[in-house]
All heavy atoms as atom14 arrays in JSON, in Angstrom:
{
  "sequence": "AGPFVRPLTDREVRAWAPTGQPTYAQWADALDTETLHFPARGCGNC",
  "atom14_mask": [
    [1, 1, 1, 1, 1, 0, 0, 0, 0, 0, 0, 0, 0, 0],
    [1, 1, 1, 1, 0, 0, 0, 0, 0, 0, 0, 0, 0, 0],
    [1, 1, 1, 1, 1, 1, 1, 0, 0, 0, 0, 0, 0, 0],
    [1, 1, 1, 1, 1, 1, 1, 1, 1, 1, 1, 0, 0, 0],
    [1, 1, 1, 1, 1, 1, 1, 0, 0, 0, 0, 0, 0, 0],
    [1, 1, 1, 1, 1, 1, 1, 1, 1, 1, 1, 0, 0, 0],
    [1, 1, 1, 1, 1, 1, 1, 0, 0, 0, 0, 0, 0, 0],
    [1, 1, 1, 1, 1, 1, 1, 1, 0, 0, 0, 0, 0, 0],
    [1, 1, 1, 1, 1, 1, 1, 0, 0, 0, 0, 0, 0, 0],
    [1, 1, 1, 1, 1, 1, 1, 1, 0, 0, 0, 0, 0, 0],
    [1, 1, 1, 1, 1, 1, 1, 1, 1, 1, 1, 0, 0, 0],
    [1, 1, 1, 1, 1, 1, 1, 1, 1, 0, 0, 0, 0, 0],
    [1, 1, 1, 1, 1, 1, 1, 0, 0, 0, 0, 0, 0, 0],
    [1, 1, 1, 1, 1, 1, 1, 1, 1, 1, 1, 0, 0, 0],
    [1, 1, 1, 1, 1, 0, 0, 0, 0, 0, 0, 0, 0, 0],
    [1, 1, 1, 1, 1, 1, 1, 1, 1, 1, 1, 1, 1, 1],
    [1, 1, 1, 1, 1, 0, 0, 0, 0, 0, 0, 0, 0, 0],
    [1, 1, 1, 1, 1, 1, 1, 0, 0, 0, 0, 0, 0, 0],
    [1, 1, 1, 1, 1, 1, 1, 0, 0, 0, 0, 0, 0, 0],
    [1, 1, 1, 1, 0, 0, 0, 0, 0, 0, 0, 0, 0, 0],
    [1, 1, 1, 1, 1, 1, 1, 1, 1, 0, 0, 0, 0, 0],
    [1, 1, 1, 1, 1, 1, 1, 0, 0, 0, 0, 0, 0, 0],
    [1, 1, 1, 1, 1, 1, 1, 0, 0, 0, 0, 0, 0, 0],
    [1, 1, 1, 1, 1, 1, 1, 1, 1, 1, 1, 1, 0, 0],
    [1, 1, 1, 1, 1, 0, 0, 0, 0, 0, 0, 0, 0, 0],
    [1, 1, 1, 1, 1, 1, 1, 1, 1, 0, 0, 0, 0, 0],
    [1, 1, 1, 1, 1, 1, 1, 1, 1, 1, 1, 1, 1, 1],
    [1, 1, 1, 1, 1, 0, 0, 0, 0, 0, 0, 0, 0, 0],
    [1, 1, 1, 1, 1, 1, 1, 1, 0, 0, 0, 0, 0, 0],
    [1, 1, 1, 1, 1, 0, 0, 0, 0, 0, 0, 0, 0, 0],
    [1, 1, 1, 1, 1, 1, 1, 1, 0, 0, 0, 0, 0, 0],
    [1, 1, 1, 1, 1, 1, 1, 1, 0, 0, 0, 0, 0, 0],
    [1, 1, 1, 1, 1, 1, 1, 0, 0, 0, 0, 0, 0, 0],
    [1, 1, 1, 1, 1, 1, 1, 1, 1, 0, 0, 0, 0, 0],
    [1, 1, 1, 1, 1, 1, 1, 0, 0, 0, 0, 0, 0, 0],
    [1, 1, 1, 1, 1, 1, 1, 1, 0, 0, 0, 0, 0, 0],
    [1, 1, 1, 1, 1, 1, 1, 1, 1, 1, 0, 0, 0, 0],
    [1, 1, 1, 1, 1, 1, 1, 1, 1, 1, 1, 0, 0, 0],
    [1, 1, 1, 1, 1, 1, 1, 0, 0, 0, 0, 0, 0, 0],
    [1, 1, 1, 1, 1, 0, 0, 0, 0, 0, 0, 0, 0, 0],
    [1, 1, 1, 1, 1, 1, 1, 1, 1, 1, 1, 0, 0, 0],
    [1, 1, 1, 1, 0, 0, 0, 0, 0, 0, 0, 0, 0, 0],
    [1, 1, 1, 1, 1, 1, 0, 0, 0, 0, 0, 0, 0, 0],
    [1, 1, 1, 1, 0, 0, 0, 0, 0, 0, 0, 0, 0, 0],
    [1, 1, 1, 1, 1, 1, 1, 1, 0, 0, 0, 0, 0, 0],
    [1, 1, 1, 1, 1, 1, 0, 0, 0, 0, 0, 0, 0, 0]
  ],
  "atom14_positions": [
    [[34.42, 7.07, 14.08], [33.36, 7.13, 15.12], [32.76, 8.5, 15.18], [33.34, 9.47, 14.72], [33.98, 6.72, 16.41], [0.0, 0.0, 0.0], [0.0, 0.0, 0.0], [0.0, 0.0, 0.0], [0.0, 0.0, 0.0], [0.0, 0.0, 0.0], [0.0, 0.0, 0.0], [0.0, 0.0, 0.0], [0.0, 0.0, 0.0], [0.0, 0.0, 0.0]],
    [[31.61, 8.58, 15.87], [30.9, 9.8, 16.05], [31.51, 10.69, 17.08], [32.56, 10.37, 17.6], [0.0, 0.0, 0.0], [0.0, 0.0, 0.0], [0.0, 0.0, 0.0], [0.0, 0.0, 0.0], [0.0, 0.0, 0.0], [0.0, 0.0, 0.0], [0.0, 0.0, 0.0], [0.0, 0.0, 0.0], [0.0, 0.0, 0.0], [0.0, 0.0, 0.0]],
    [[30.87, 11.76, 17.43], [29.51, 12.12, 17.06], [29.42, 13.0, 15.84], [29.35, 14.22, 15.91], [29.04, 12.87, 18.32], [30.27, 13.57, 18.83], [31.42, 12.64, 18.49], [0.0, 0.0, 0.0], [0.0, 0.0, 0.0], [0.0, 0.0, 0.0], [0.0, 0.0, 0.0], [0.0, 0.0, 0.0], [0.0, 0.0, 0.0], [0.0, 0.0, 0.0]],
    [[29.54, 12.39, 14.7], [29.52, 13.12, 13.41], [28.37, 12.61, 12.57], [27.87, 11.49, 12.73], [30.84, 12.95, 12.68], [31.99, 13.44, 13.49], [32.87, 12.55, 14.07], [32.24, 14.8, 13.65], [33.92, 12.99, 14.85], [33.29, 15.26, 14.37], [34.15, 14.36, 14.99], [0.0, 0.0, 0.0], [0.0, 0.0, 0.0], [0.0, 0.0, 0.0]],
    [[27.99, 13.43, 11.58], [27.01, 13.03, 10.57], [27.75, 12.84, 9.25], [28.58, 13.66, 8.85], [25.87, 14.09, 10.48], [26.3, 15.42, 10.0], [24.77, 13.58, 9.55], [0.0, 0.0, 0.0], [0.0, 0.0, 0.0], [0.0, 0.0, 0.0], [0.0, 0.0, 0.0], [0.0, 0.0, 0.0], [0.0, 0.0, 0.0], [0.0, 0.0, 0.0]],
    [[27.47, 11.72, 8.63], [28.15, 11.34, 7.38], [27.12, 11.28, 6.28], [26.12, 10.54, 6.35], [28.79, 9.99, 7.54], [29.61, 9.55, 6.28], [30.12, 8.12, 6.47], [29.04, 7.14, 6.38], [28.5, 6.66, 5.28], [28.87, 7.1, 4.07], [27.56, 5.77, 5.39], [0.0, 0.0, 0.0], [0.0, 0.0, 0.0], [0.0, 0.0, 0.0]],
    [[27.35, 12.07, 5.2], [26.44, 11.94, 4.03], [26.66, 10.61, 3.36], [27.78, 10.07, 3.34], [26.93, 13.08, 3.11], [27.78, 13.95, 3.92], [28.35, 13.08, 5.03], [0.0, 0.0, 0.0], [0.0, 0.0, 0.0], [0.0, 0.0, 0.0], [0.0, 0.0, 0.0], [0.0, 0.0, 0.0], [0.0, 0.0, 0.0], [0.0, 0.0, 0.0]],
    [[25.59, 10.07, 2.81], [25.71, 8.81, 2.06], [26.45, 9.07, 0.77], [26.34, 10.15, 0.16], [24.32, 8.24, 1.75], [23.45, 7.8, 2.91], [22.21, 7.11, 2.39], [24.2, 6.87, 3.87], [0.0, 0.0, 0.0], [0.0, 0.0, 0.0], [0.0, 0.0, 0.0], [0.0, 0.0, 0.0], [0.0, 0.0, 0.0], [0.0, 0.0, 0.0]],
    [[27.17, 8.07, 0.3], [27.78, 8.17, -1.03], [26.68, 7.94, -2.07], [25.58, 7.42, -1.79], [28.86, 7.04, -1.24], [28.21, 5.76, -1.18], [29.95, 7.16, -0.15], [0.0, 0.0, 0.0], [0.0, 0.0, 0.0], [0.0, 0.0, 0.0], [0.0, 0.0, 0.0], [0.0, 0.0, 0.0], [0.0, 0.0, 0.0], [0.0, 0.0, 0.0]],
    [[26.96, 8.33, -3.32], [26.01, 8.08, -4.41], [25.62, 6.62, -4.5], [24.46, 6.29, -4.71], [26.6, 8.62, -5.71], [25.57, 8.52, -6.85], [24.51, 9.15, -6.76], [25.85, 7.76, -7.83], [0.0, 0.0, 0.0], [0.0, 0.0, 0.0], [0.0, 0.0, 0.0], [0.0, 0.0, 0.0], [0.0, 0.0, 0.0], [0.0, 0.0, 0.0]],
    [[26.6, 5.78, -4.35], [26.3, 4.33, -4.44], [25.39, 3.86, -3.32], [24.47, 3.06, -3.55], [27.64, 3.57, -4.35], [27.49, 2.09, -4.51], [28.83, 1.42, -4.52], [28.67, 0.01, -4.78], [29.65, -0.85, -4.87], [30.9, -0.42, -4.71], [29.45, -2.11, -5.07], [0.0, 0.0, 0.0], [0.0, 0.0, 0.0], [0.0, 0.0, 0.0]],
    [[25.58, 4.33, -2.14], [24.69, 4.0, -0.99], [23.28, 4.49, -1.25], [22.29, 3.81, -0.94], [25.2, 4.6, 0.29], [26.47, 3.92, 0.81], [27.05, 4.64, 2.01], [27.23, 5.89, 1.98], [27.38, 3.93, 2.98], [0.0, 0.0, 0.0], [0.0, 0.0, 0.0], [0.0, 0.0, 0.0], [0.0, 0.0, 0.0], [0.0, 0.0, 0.0]],
    [[23.14, 5.68, -1.79], [21.8, 6.23, -2.11], [21.12, 5.39, -3.18], [19.95, 4.98, -3.02], [21.88, 7.7, -2.56], [20.54, 8.2, -3.08], [22.34, 8.6, -1.4], [0.0, 0.0, 0.0], [0.0, 0.0, 0.0], [0.0, 0.0, 0.0], [0.0, 0.0, 0.0], [0.0, 0.0, 0.0], [0.0, 0.0, 0.0], [0.0, 0.0, 0.0]],
    [[21.82, 5.09, -4.26], [21.26, 4.31, -5.37], [20.87, 2.91, -4.97], [20.02, 2.26, -5.67], [22.17, 4.32, -6.55], [22.24, 5.67, -7.21], [23.2, 5.74, -8.41], [23.27, 7.06, -8.98], [22.41, 7.59, -9.83], [21.39, 6.87, -10.27], [22.59, 8.82, -10.26], [0.0, 0.0, 0.0], [0.0, 0.0, 0.0], [0.0, 0.0, 0.0]],
    [[21.37, 2.38, -3.87], [20.98, 1.03, -3.42], [19.5, 1.0, -3.02], [18.92, -0.06, -3.11], [21.9, 0.6, -2.25], [0.0, 0.0, 0.0], [0.0, 0.0, 0.0], [0.0, 0.0, 0.0], [0.0, 0.0, 0.0], [0.0, 0.0, 0.0], [0.0, 0.0, 0.0], [0.0, 0.0, 0.0], [0.0, 0.0, 0.0], [0.0, 0.0, 0.0]],
    [[18.95, 2.08, -2.61], [17.51, 2.13, -2.21], [16.73, 3.17, -2.97], [15.47, 3.19, -2.89], [17.39, 2.35, -0.7], [18.12, 3.6, -0.19], [19.41, 3.66, 0.15], [17.56, 4.89, -0.02], [19.72, 4.93, 0.52], [18.62, 5.73, 0.44], [16.28, 5.45, -0.2], [18.44, 7.07, 0.7], [16.11, 6.78, 0.05], [17.17, 7.56, 0.53]],
    [[17.42, 4.04, -3.75], [16.76, 5.06, -4.61], [17.49, 5.04, -5.91], [18.43, 5.86, -6.12], [16.76, 6.4, -3.95], [0.0, 0.0, 0.0], [0.0, 0.0, 0.0], [0.0, 0.0, 0.0], [0.0, 0.0, 0.0], [0.0, 0.0, 0.0], [0.0, 0.0, 0.0], [0.0, 0.0, 0.0], [0.0, 0.0, 0.0], [0.0, 0.0, 0.0]],
    [[17.14, 4.1, -6.85], [17.92, 3.89, -8.06], [18.14, 5.16, -8.94], [19.2, 5.22, -9.61], [17.09, 2.9, -8.82], [16.32, 2.18, -7.79], [16.02, 3.18, -6.69], [0.0, 0.0, 0.0], [0.0, 0.0, 0.0], [0.0, 0.0, 0.0], [0.0, 0.0, 0.0], [0.0, 0.0, 0.0], [0.0, 0.0, 0.0], [0.0, 0.0, 0.0]],
    [[17.31, 6.17, -8.85], [17.55, 7.39, -9.64], [18.64, 8.25, -9.04], [19.11, 9.14, -9.71], [16.24, 8.22, -9.74], [15.92, 8.72, -8.42], [15.08, 7.45, -10.31], [0.0, 0.0, 0.0], [0.0, 0.0, 0.0], [0.0, 0.0, 0.0], [0.0, 0.0, 0.0], [0.0, 0.0, 0.0], [0.0, 0.0, 0.0], [0.0, 0.0, 0.0]],
    [[18.96, 8.01, -7.78], [19.95, 8.87, -7.12], [19.36, 10.17, -6.59], [20.06, 10.98, -6.09], [0.0, 0.0, 0.0], [0.0, 0.0, 0.0], [0.0, 0.0, 0.0], [0.0, 0.0, 0.0], [0.0, 0.0, 0.0], [0.0, 0.0, 0.0], [0.0, 0.0, 0.0], [0.0, 0.0, 0.0], [0.0, 0.0, 0.0], [0.0, 0.0, 0.0]],
    [[18.04, 10.31, -6.71], [17.34, 11.49, -6.24], [16.14, 11.06, -5.36], [14.99, 11.13, -5.78], [16.84, 12.34, -7.4], [17.96, 12.94, -8.22], [17.41, 13.9, -9.26], [16.25, 14.01, -9.56], [18.33, 14.66, -9.81], [0.0, 0.0, 0.0], [0.0, 0.0, 0.0], [0.0, 0.0, 0.0], [0.0, 0.0, 0.0], [0.0, 0.0, 0.0]],
    [[16.48, 10.57, -4.16], [15.38, 10.01, -3.34], [14.37, 11.11, -2.86], [14.78, 12.24, -2.58], [16.15, 9.45, -2.13], [17.45, 10.26, -2.09], [17.75, 10.56, -3.5], [0.0, 0.0, 0.0], [0.0, 0.0, 0.0], [0.0, 0.0, 0.0], [0.0, 0.0, 0.0], [0.0, 0.0, 0.0], [0.0, 0.0, 0.0], [0.0, 0.0, 0.0]],
    [[13.14, 10.67, -2.8], [12.11, 11.54, -2.25], [11.99, 11.26, -0.78], [12.51, 10.26, -0.27], [10.74, 11.24, -2.92], [10.4, 9.91, -2.63], [10.82, 11.43, -4.41], [0.0, 0.0, 0.0], [0.0, 0.0, 0.0], [0.0, 0.0, 0.0], [0.0, 0.0, 0.0], [0.0, 0.0, 0.0], [0.0, 0.0, 0.0], [0.0, 0.0, 0.0]],
    [[11.23, 12.12, -0.07], [10.98, 11.91, 1.34], [10.31, 10.52, 1.55], [10.66, 9.75, 2.43], [10.06, 13.01, 1.89], [9.71, 12.76, 3.34], [10.52, 13.28, 4.36], [8.57, 12.04, 3.69], [10.2, 13.04, 5.7], [8.25, 11.83, 5.01], [9.08, 12.28, 6.01], [8.77, 12.07, 7.33], [0.0, 0.0, 0.0], [0.0, 0.0, 0.0]],
    [[9.35, 10.2, 0.67], [8.59, 8.94, 0.81], [9.54, 7.75, 0.64], [9.44, 6.77, 1.42], [7.5, 8.87, -0.22], [0.0, 0.0, 0.0], [0.0, 0.0, 0.0], [0.0, 0.0, 0.0], [0.0, 0.0, 0.0], [0.0, 0.0, 0.0], [0.0, 0.0, 0.0], [0.0, 0.0, 0.0], [0.0, 0.0, 0.0], [0.0, 0.0, 0.0]],
    [[10.45, 7.81, -0.3], [11.41, 6.7, -0.49], [12.32, 6.55, 0.71], [12.62, 5.45, 1.16], [12.28, 6.94, -1.72], [11.57, 6.71, -3.02], [12.44, 7.07, -4.22], [12.94, 8.21, -4.31], [12.71, 6.1, -5.07], [0.0, 0.0, 0.0], [0.0, 0.0, 0.0], [0.0, 0.0, 0.0], [0.0, 0.0, 0.0], [0.0, 0.0, 0.0]],
    [[12.78, 7.7, 1.25], [13.61, 7.68, 2.42], [12.96, 7.1, 3.61], [13.47, 6.21, 4.31], [14.13, 9.11, 2.67], [14.94, 9.37, 3.9], [16.18, 8.86, 4.13], [14.6, 10.11, 5.02], [16.61, 9.3, 5.39], [15.65, 10.05, 5.93], [13.44, 10.88, 5.38], [15.63, 10.76, 7.15], [13.42, 11.54, 6.57], [14.48, 11.47, 7.44]],
    [[11.7, 7.57, 3.89], [10.95, 7.1, 5.04], [10.67, 5.58, 4.89], [10.78, 4.84, 5.87], [9.66, 7.85, 5.17], [0.0, 0.0, 0.0], [0.0, 0.0, 0.0], [0.0, 0.0, 0.0], [0.0, 0.0, 0.0], [0.0, 0.0, 0.0], [0.0, 0.0, 0.0], [0.0, 0.0, 0.0], [0.0, 0.0, 0.0], [0.0, 0.0, 0.0]],
    [[10.34, 5.15, 3.7], [10.08, 3.71, 3.45], [11.34, 2.9, 3.65], [11.33, 1.8, 4.24], [9.55, 3.54, 2.05], [9.21, 2.08, 1.8], [8.32, 1.51, 2.5], [9.8, 1.48, 0.87], [0.0, 0.0, 0.0], [0.0, 0.0, 0.0], [0.0, 0.0, 0.0], [0.0, 0.0, 0.0], [0.0, 0.0, 0.0], [0.0, 0.0, 0.0]],
    [[12.48, 3.42, 3.15], [13.75, 2.69, 3.31], [14.16, 2.56, 4.79], [14.66, 1.51, 5.22], [14.87, 3.4, 2.52], [0.0, 0.0, 0.0], [0.0, 0.0, 0.0], [0.0, 0.0, 0.0], [0.0, 0.0, 0.0], [0.0, 0.0, 0.0], [0.0, 0.0, 0.0], [0.0, 0.0, 0.0], [0.0, 0.0, 0.0], [0.0, 0.0, 0.0]],
    [[13.86, 3.61, 5.58], [14.11, 3.49, 7.03], [13.14, 2.54, 7.71], [13.56, 1.68, 8.5], [14.04, 4.88, 7.7], [15.15, 5.85, 7.4], [14.78, 7.21, 7.94], [16.47, 5.34, 7.96], [0.0, 0.0, 0.0], [0.0, 0.0, 0.0], [0.0, 0.0, 0.0], [0.0, 0.0, 0.0], [0.0, 0.0, 0.0], [0.0, 0.0, 0.0]],
    [[11.88, 2.62, 7.34], [10.84, 1.74, 7.93], [11.09, 0.28, 7.63], [10.83, -0.58, 8.45], [9.46, 2.12, 7.45], [8.93, 3.41, 8.1], [9.51, 3.82, 9.14], [7.98, 3.98, 7.59], [0.0, 0.0, 0.0], [0.0, 0.0, 0.0], [0.0, 0.0, 0.0], [0.0, 0.0, 0.0], [0.0, 0.0, 0.0], [0.0, 0.0, 0.0]],
    [[11.51, -0.02, 6.42], [11.72, -1.42, 5.99], [13.14, -1.91, 6.26], [13.48, -3.03, 5.94], [11.43, -1.59, 4.51], [12.36, -0.76, 3.77], [9.99, -1.23, 4.16], [0.0, 0.0, 0.0], [0.0, 0.0, 0.0], [0.0, 0.0, 0.0], [0.0, 0.0, 0.0], [0.0, 0.0, 0.0], [0.0, 0.0, 0.0], [0.0, 0.0, 0.0]],
    [[13.96, -1.07, 6.85], [15.34, -1.37, 7.18], [16.19, -1.66, 5.91], [17.22, -2.32, 6.0], [15.44, -2.53, 8.21], [14.8, -2.11, 9.52], [14.87, -3.23, 10.53], [15.65, -4.19, 10.38], [14.14, -3.09, 11.56], [0.0, 0.0, 0.0], [0.0, 0.0, 0.0], [0.0, 0.0, 0.0], [0.0, 0.0, 0.0], [0.0, 0.0, 0.0]],
    [[15.73, -1.19, 4.79], [16.54, -1.19, 3.57], [17.7, -0.22, 3.76], [18.83, -0.47, 3.28], [15.71, -0.77, 2.3], [14.59, -1.64, 2.24], [16.51, -0.88, 1.05], [0.0, 0.0, 0.0], [0.0, 0.0, 0.0], [0.0, 0.0, 0.0], [0.0, 0.0, 0.0], [0.0, 0.0, 0.0], [0.0, 0.0, 0.0], [0.0, 0.0, 0.0]],
    [[17.45, 0.82, 4.44], [18.42, 1.82, 4.8], [18.69, 1.64, 6.26], [17.84, 1.72, 7.1], [17.89, 3.27, 4.51], [18.78, 4.45, 4.76], [20.08, 4.28, 3.97], [18.07, 5.71, 4.4], [0.0, 0.0, 0.0], [0.0, 0.0, 0.0], [0.0, 0.0, 0.0], [0.0, 0.0, 0.0], [0.0, 0.0, 0.0], [0.0, 0.0, 0.0]],
    [[19.97, 1.37, 6.59], [20.35, 1.09, 7.92], [20.68, 2.32, 8.74], [21.12, 3.34, 8.23], [21.55, 0.1, 7.93], [21.21, -1.2, 7.25], [20.43, -2.14, 7.79], [21.58, -1.64, 6.04], [20.28, -3.15, 6.97], [20.98, -2.86, 5.9], [0.0, 0.0, 0.0], [0.0, 0.0, 0.0], [0.0, 0.0, 0.0], [0.0, 0.0, 0.0]],
    [[20.52, 2.22, 10.04], [20.95, 3.25, 10.98], [22.45, 3.02, 11.25], [22.91, 1.9, 11.27], [20.14, 3.17, 12.25], [18.79, 3.82, 12.16], [17.72, 3.09, 11.6], [18.56, 5.11, 12.56], [16.46, 3.65, 11.46], [17.33, 5.69, 12.41], [16.27, 4.97, 11.88], [0.0, 0.0, 0.0], [0.0, 0.0, 0.0], [0.0, 0.0, 0.0]],
    [[23.14, 4.14, 11.5], [24.6, 4.04, 11.77], [24.83, 3.48, 13.21], [23.89, 3.2, 13.95], [25.06, 5.46, 11.64], [23.9, 6.29, 12.02], [22.68, 5.52, 11.5], [0.0, 0.0, 0.0], [0.0, 0.0, 0.0], [0.0, 0.0, 0.0], [0.0, 0.0, 0.0], [0.0, 0.0, 0.0], [0.0, 0.0, 0.0], [0.0, 0.0, 0.0]],
    [[26.09, 3.45, 13.56], [26.5, 3.0, 14.9], [26.07, 4.01, 15.97], [25.71, 5.17, 15.62], [28.01, 2.86, 14.99], [0.0, 0.0, 0.0], [0.0, 0.0, 0.0], [0.0, 0.0, 0.0], [0.0, 0.0, 0.0], [0.0, 0.0, 0.0], [0.0, 0.0, 0.0], [0.0, 0.0, 0.0], [0.0, 0.0, 0.0], [0.0, 0.0, 0.0]],
    [[26.08, 3.6, 17.23], [25.64, 4.51, 18.32], [26.53, 5.74, 18.3], [27.7, 5.72, 18.03], [25.84, 3.76, 19.63], [24.71, 2.77, 19.87], [24.91, 1.92, 21.07], [25.25, 2.63, 22.24], [25.48, 2.05, 23.42], [25.46, 0.76, 23.53], [25.77, 2.77, 24.48], [0.0, 0.0, 0.0], [0.0, 0.0, 0.0], [0.0, 0.0, 0.0]],
    [[25.86, 6.86, 18.59], [26.53, 8.15, 18.63], [26.91, 8.76, 17.25], [27.69, 9.68, 17.19], [0.0, 0.0, 0.0], [0.0, 0.0, 0.0], [0.0, 0.0, 0.0], [0.0, 0.0, 0.0], [0.0, 0.0, 0.0], [0.0, 0.0, 0.0], [0.0, 0.0, 0.0], [0.0, 0.0, 0.0], [0.0, 0.0, 0.0], [0.0, 0.0, 0.0]],
    [[26.33, 8.18, 16.21], [26.61, 8.63, 14.85], [25.34, 9.0, 14.13], [24.24, 8.58, 14.52], [27.33, 7.52, 14.07], [28.94, 7.09, 14.73], [0.0, 0.0, 0.0], [0.0, 0.0, 0.0], [0.0, 0.0, 0.0], [0.0, 0.0, 0.0], [0.0, 0.0, 0.0], [0.0, 0.0, 0.0], [0.0, 0.0, 0.0], [0.0, 0.0, 0.0]],
    [[25.46, 9.68, 12.99], [24.33, 10.05, 12.16], [24.73, 9.97, 10.69], [25.86, 9.99, 10.34], [0.0, 0.0, 0.0], [0.0, 0.0, 0.0], [0.0, 0.0, 0.0], [0.0, 0.0, 0.0], [0.0, 0.0, 0.0], [0.0, 0.0, 0.0], [0.0, 0.0, 0.0], [0.0, 0.0, 0.0], [0.0, 0.0, 0.0], [0.0, 0.0, 0.0]],
    [[23.68, 9.88, 9.85], [23.85, 9.97, 8.44], [22.96, 11.05, 7.86], [21.97, 11.39, 8.55], [23.54, 8.62, 7.75], [24.59, 7.55, 8.0], [25.75, 7.85, 8.28], [24.2, 6.3, 7.9], [0.0, 0.0, 0.0], [0.0, 0.0, 0.0], [0.0, 0.0, 0.0], [0.0, 0.0, 0.0], [0.0, 0.0, 0.0], [0.0, 0.0, 0.0]],
    [[23.19, 11.39, 6.62], [22.27, 12.37, 5.97], [22.25, 12.11, 4.46], [23.21, 11.51, 3.95], [22.61, 13.8, 6.31], [24.13, 14.41, 5.53], [0.0, 0.0, 0.0], [0.0, 0.0, 0.0], [0.0, 0.0, 0.0], [0.0, 0.0, 0.0], [0.0, 0.0, 0.0], [0.0, 0.0, 0.0], [0.0, 0.0, 0.0], [0.0, 0.0, 0.0]]
  ]
}
């Protein structure tokens, strides 16, 4: 549980950015389309 920030694993990143090197645009799109999920309350990811 939080209040901590957890970096994504390589596998989690490649699920929405297949090269493993996501751009800002890919990240914003993944958040907007809910391809990339938000964590639980009081938590963060990076």
